[in-house]
N, C-alpha and C. Protein backbone atom coordinates (compact mmCIF):
# COMPACT_ATOMS: atom_id res chain seq x y z
N MET A 1 1.75 9.06 14.54
CA MET A 1 2.28 7.90 13.59
C MET A 1 3.17 8.58 12.57
N LEU A 2 4.15 7.94 12.28
CA LEU A 2 4.99 8.12 11.25
C LEU A 2 5.14 7.05 10.03
N SER A 3 5.31 7.35 8.85
CA SER A 3 5.54 6.33 7.89
C SER A 3 6.66 6.88 6.84
N TYR A 4 7.14 6.05 6.35
CA TYR A 4 8.34 6.25 5.39
C TYR A 4 8.52 5.24 4.43
N LYS A 5 8.50 5.35 3.06
CA LYS A 5 8.74 4.49 1.95
C LYS A 5 10.39 4.42 1.98
N VAL A 6 10.69 3.06 1.83
CA VAL A 6 12.15 2.79 1.56
C VAL A 6 12.17 1.54 0.76
N THR A 7 13.16 1.56 -0.13
CA THR A 7 13.59 0.33 -1.01
C THR A 7 14.53 -0.51 -0.42
N VAL A 8 14.37 -1.80 -0.27
CA VAL A 8 15.27 -2.75 0.28
C VAL A 8 16.38 -2.90 -0.89
N ARG A 9 17.50 -2.62 -0.47
CA ARG A 9 18.72 -2.54 -1.32
C ARG A 9 19.62 -3.76 -1.26
N ASN A 10 19.65 -4.45 -0.17
CA ASN A 10 20.61 -5.55 -0.13
C ASN A 10 20.41 -6.69 -1.19
N PRO A 11 21.27 -7.27 -1.76
CA PRO A 11 21.20 -8.22 -2.79
C PRO A 11 20.05 -9.45 -2.54
N SER A 12 20.15 -9.87 -1.28
CA SER A 12 19.36 -10.96 -1.04
C SER A 12 17.96 -10.69 -0.52
N GLY A 13 17.58 -9.43 -0.38
CA GLY A 13 16.35 -9.14 0.27
C GLY A 13 16.21 -9.55 1.71
N LEU A 14 15.11 -9.70 2.38
CA LEU A 14 15.03 -9.90 3.79
C LEU A 14 14.99 -11.23 4.09
N HIS A 15 16.22 -12.04 3.93
CA HIS A 15 16.37 -13.30 4.32
C HIS A 15 16.68 -13.39 5.81
N LEU A 16 17.18 -14.51 6.19
CA LEU A 16 17.24 -14.70 7.79
C LEU A 16 18.07 -13.68 8.49
N ARG A 17 19.45 -13.48 8.08
CA ARG A 17 20.39 -12.56 8.61
C ARG A 17 19.78 -11.09 8.64
N PRO A 18 19.59 -10.59 7.50
CA PRO A 18 18.87 -9.25 7.58
C PRO A 18 17.58 -9.00 8.25
N ALA A 19 16.77 -10.05 8.22
CA ALA A 19 15.66 -10.01 9.08
C ALA A 19 15.96 -9.95 10.51
N GLY A 20 16.88 -10.70 10.95
CA GLY A 20 17.24 -10.73 12.31
C GLY A 20 17.83 -9.40 12.63
N LEU A 21 18.58 -8.79 11.85
CA LEU A 21 19.10 -7.40 12.15
C LEU A 21 17.99 -6.37 12.24
N LEU A 22 17.08 -6.40 11.35
CA LEU A 22 15.87 -5.51 11.41
C LEU A 22 15.06 -5.73 12.64
N CYS A 23 14.83 -6.88 13.04
CA CYS A 23 14.06 -7.19 14.26
C CYS A 23 14.86 -6.70 15.43
N GLY A 24 16.09 -6.94 15.51
CA GLY A 24 16.99 -6.67 16.65
C GLY A 24 16.96 -5.30 16.93
N GLU A 25 16.98 -4.38 15.84
CA GLU A 25 16.88 -3.05 15.93
C GLU A 25 15.27 -2.66 16.52
N ALA A 26 14.47 -3.00 15.74
CA ALA A 26 13.02 -2.68 16.03
C ALA A 26 12.56 -2.91 17.52
N ILE A 27 13.16 -3.94 18.17
CA ILE A 27 12.76 -4.39 19.41
C ILE A 27 13.37 -3.45 20.32
N LYS A 28 14.29 -2.55 20.01
CA LYS A 28 14.85 -1.61 21.08
C LYS A 28 13.96 -0.52 21.40
N TYR A 29 12.74 -0.45 20.56
CA TYR A 29 11.87 0.76 20.61
C TYR A 29 10.59 0.21 21.31
N LYS A 30 10.05 1.27 22.08
CA LYS A 30 8.74 1.04 22.57
C LYS A 30 7.61 1.04 21.60
N SER A 31 7.72 1.74 20.64
CA SER A 31 6.68 2.04 19.56
C SER A 31 6.29 0.72 18.80
N SER A 32 5.02 0.72 18.17
CA SER A 32 4.64 -0.36 17.43
C SER A 32 5.36 0.01 16.13
N ILE A 33 5.85 -1.09 15.50
CA ILE A 33 6.68 -0.96 14.24
C ILE A 33 6.22 -2.00 13.34
N THR A 34 5.70 -1.69 12.21
CA THR A 34 5.27 -2.61 11.07
C THR A 34 5.78 -2.09 9.79
N PHE A 35 5.69 -2.85 8.90
CA PHE A 35 5.85 -2.48 7.40
C PHE A 35 4.86 -2.97 6.51
N GLN A 36 4.59 -2.05 5.52
CA GLN A 36 3.57 -2.45 4.66
C GLN A 36 4.33 -2.92 3.22
N TYR A 37 3.98 -4.00 2.75
CA TYR A 37 4.58 -4.50 1.43
C TYR A 37 3.55 -4.85 0.41
N ALA A 38 3.88 -5.50 -0.61
CA ALA A 38 2.97 -5.75 -1.62
C ALA A 38 1.75 -6.77 -1.11
N GLY A 39 2.09 -7.71 -0.33
CA GLY A 39 1.22 -8.63 0.07
C GLY A 39 0.48 -8.33 1.38
N GLY A 40 0.78 -7.32 2.04
CA GLY A 40 0.12 -7.03 3.22
C GLY A 40 0.95 -6.26 4.27
N THR A 41 0.84 -6.46 5.63
CA THR A 41 1.60 -5.82 6.65
C THR A 41 2.30 -6.91 7.49
N ALA A 42 3.62 -6.54 7.94
CA ALA A 42 4.38 -7.33 8.73
C ALA A 42 4.83 -6.68 10.08
N ASN A 43 5.01 -7.57 10.98
CA ASN A 43 5.51 -6.93 12.38
C ASN A 43 7.03 -6.91 12.27
N ALA A 44 7.53 -5.71 12.26
CA ALA A 44 9.06 -5.65 12.28
C ALA A 44 9.67 -6.18 13.44
N LYS A 45 8.97 -6.36 14.55
CA LYS A 45 9.55 -7.01 15.77
C LYS A 45 9.56 -8.46 15.63
N SER A 46 8.92 -9.12 14.74
CA SER A 46 8.93 -10.45 14.74
C SER A 46 9.72 -11.14 13.41
N VAL A 47 10.66 -11.98 13.71
CA VAL A 47 11.56 -12.63 12.57
C VAL A 47 10.56 -13.31 11.72
N LEU A 48 9.78 -14.07 12.44
CA LEU A 48 8.90 -14.96 11.42
C LEU A 48 7.89 -14.01 10.58
N SER A 49 7.42 -12.98 10.99
CA SER A 49 6.54 -12.05 10.26
C SER A 49 7.30 -11.34 9.10
N VAL A 50 8.60 -10.83 9.36
CA VAL A 50 9.42 -10.35 8.39
C VAL A 50 9.81 -11.31 7.41
N LEU A 51 10.22 -12.59 7.66
CA LEU A 51 10.49 -13.61 6.67
C LEU A 51 9.42 -14.00 5.83
N GLY A 52 8.20 -14.08 6.56
CA GLY A 52 6.85 -14.36 5.78
C GLY A 52 6.53 -13.29 4.71
N ALA A 53 7.10 -12.09 4.88
CA ALA A 53 6.82 -11.08 3.79
C ALA A 53 7.38 -11.17 2.49
N CYS A 54 8.44 -12.11 2.55
CA CYS A 54 9.16 -12.57 1.32
C CYS A 54 9.58 -11.31 0.49
N VAL A 55 10.30 -10.28 1.24
CA VAL A 55 10.64 -9.13 0.53
C VAL A 55 11.98 -9.23 -0.20
N LYS A 56 12.07 -8.98 -1.44
CA LYS A 56 13.15 -9.27 -2.27
C LYS A 56 14.03 -8.00 -2.42
N SER A 57 15.20 -7.95 -3.10
CA SER A 57 15.91 -6.89 -3.33
C SER A 57 15.16 -5.93 -4.41
N GLY A 58 15.28 -4.71 -4.10
CA GLY A 58 14.45 -3.80 -5.15
C GLY A 58 13.09 -3.62 -4.57
N ASP A 59 12.48 -4.36 -3.73
CA ASP A 59 11.04 -4.29 -3.29
C ASP A 59 11.03 -2.78 -2.42
N GLU A 60 9.82 -2.18 -2.64
CA GLU A 60 9.74 -1.05 -1.72
C GLU A 60 8.66 -1.39 -0.54
N ILE A 61 9.11 -0.84 0.64
CA ILE A 61 8.12 -1.17 1.87
C ILE A 61 7.87 0.07 2.51
N THR A 62 6.83 0.33 3.24
CA THR A 62 6.57 1.46 3.89
C THR A 62 6.40 1.22 5.46
N LEU A 63 7.57 1.74 6.10
CA LEU A 63 7.65 1.48 7.54
C LEU A 63 6.70 2.31 8.30
N VAL A 64 6.04 1.85 9.34
CA VAL A 64 5.00 2.53 10.05
C VAL A 64 5.37 2.51 11.53
N CYS A 65 5.59 3.55 12.20
CA CYS A 65 6.03 3.57 13.52
C CYS A 65 5.05 4.42 14.33
N GLU A 66 4.48 3.89 15.42
CA GLU A 66 3.60 4.68 16.28
C GLU A 66 3.78 4.49 17.69
N GLY A 67 4.20 5.52 18.53
CA GLY A 67 4.45 5.43 19.95
C GLY A 67 5.19 6.54 20.26
N GLU A 68 5.84 6.46 21.47
CA GLU A 68 6.48 7.58 22.17
C GLU A 68 7.87 7.79 21.54
N ASP A 69 8.54 6.91 21.04
CA ASP A 69 9.82 6.93 20.41
C ASP A 69 9.94 6.78 19.00
N GLU A 70 8.59 6.99 18.24
CA GLU A 70 8.45 6.71 17.02
C GLU A 70 9.60 7.53 15.97
N GLN A 71 9.92 8.76 16.25
CA GLN A 71 10.80 9.37 15.32
C GLN A 71 12.24 8.70 15.43
N ALA A 72 12.69 8.36 16.62
CA ALA A 72 14.02 7.67 16.85
C ALA A 72 13.93 6.29 15.93
N ALA A 73 12.76 5.48 16.21
CA ALA A 73 12.63 4.30 15.64
C ALA A 73 12.86 4.31 14.14
N ILE A 74 11.99 5.22 13.67
CA ILE A 74 11.91 5.34 12.13
C ILE A 74 13.24 5.61 11.46
N ASP A 75 13.93 6.58 12.13
CA ASP A 75 15.14 7.14 11.69
C ASP A 75 16.31 5.87 11.73
N ALA A 76 16.27 5.20 12.76
CA ALA A 76 17.30 4.01 12.94
C ALA A 76 16.94 2.96 11.78
N LEU A 77 15.62 2.59 11.68
CA LEU A 77 15.27 1.48 10.77
C LEU A 77 15.52 1.95 9.37
N VAL A 78 15.16 3.22 8.94
CA VAL A 78 15.47 3.64 7.67
C VAL A 78 16.83 3.64 7.21
N ALA A 79 17.82 4.18 8.19
CA ALA A 79 19.16 4.06 8.00
C ALA A 79 19.73 2.71 7.81
N LEU A 80 19.25 1.73 8.63
CA LEU A 80 19.63 0.43 8.66
C LEU A 80 19.32 -0.35 7.18
N ILE A 81 18.05 -0.17 6.72
CA ILE A 81 17.62 -0.62 5.56
C ILE A 81 18.28 -0.02 4.45
N GLU A 82 18.49 1.32 4.33
CA GLU A 82 19.18 2.06 3.17
C GLU A 82 20.56 1.73 3.23
N GLY A 83 21.30 1.42 4.37
CA GLY A 83 22.58 0.83 4.40
C GLY A 83 22.92 -0.54 4.04
N GLY A 84 21.91 -1.28 3.73
CA GLY A 84 21.97 -2.52 3.04
C GLY A 84 21.79 -3.75 4.16
N LEU A 85 21.56 -3.49 5.37
CA LEU A 85 21.16 -4.34 6.47
C LEU A 85 22.47 -5.31 6.60
N GLY A 86 23.60 -4.67 6.55
CA GLY A 86 24.89 -5.40 6.92
C GLY A 86 25.43 -6.29 5.62
N GLU A 87 24.74 -5.99 4.52
CA GLU A 87 25.24 -6.74 3.36
C GLU A 87 26.01 -6.07 2.36
């Protein structure tokens, strides 16, 4: 299991488009991928779960990946989030 704290930097937080990008990347991996935020835990492979987290710009989340391709998954997701999720 790997975990990594990352700050959401895009101006609008995890609204529909960035949530879709995050989920689209997460589903490419076999590993279980979740993230912890101030209100609980969300499944990074579910758009509804990501949207329900209500993560805003500047919020810190902890990505948690567990499985056979966990290193590749966490590297790709951290890069995507730190890159602003397309915004």
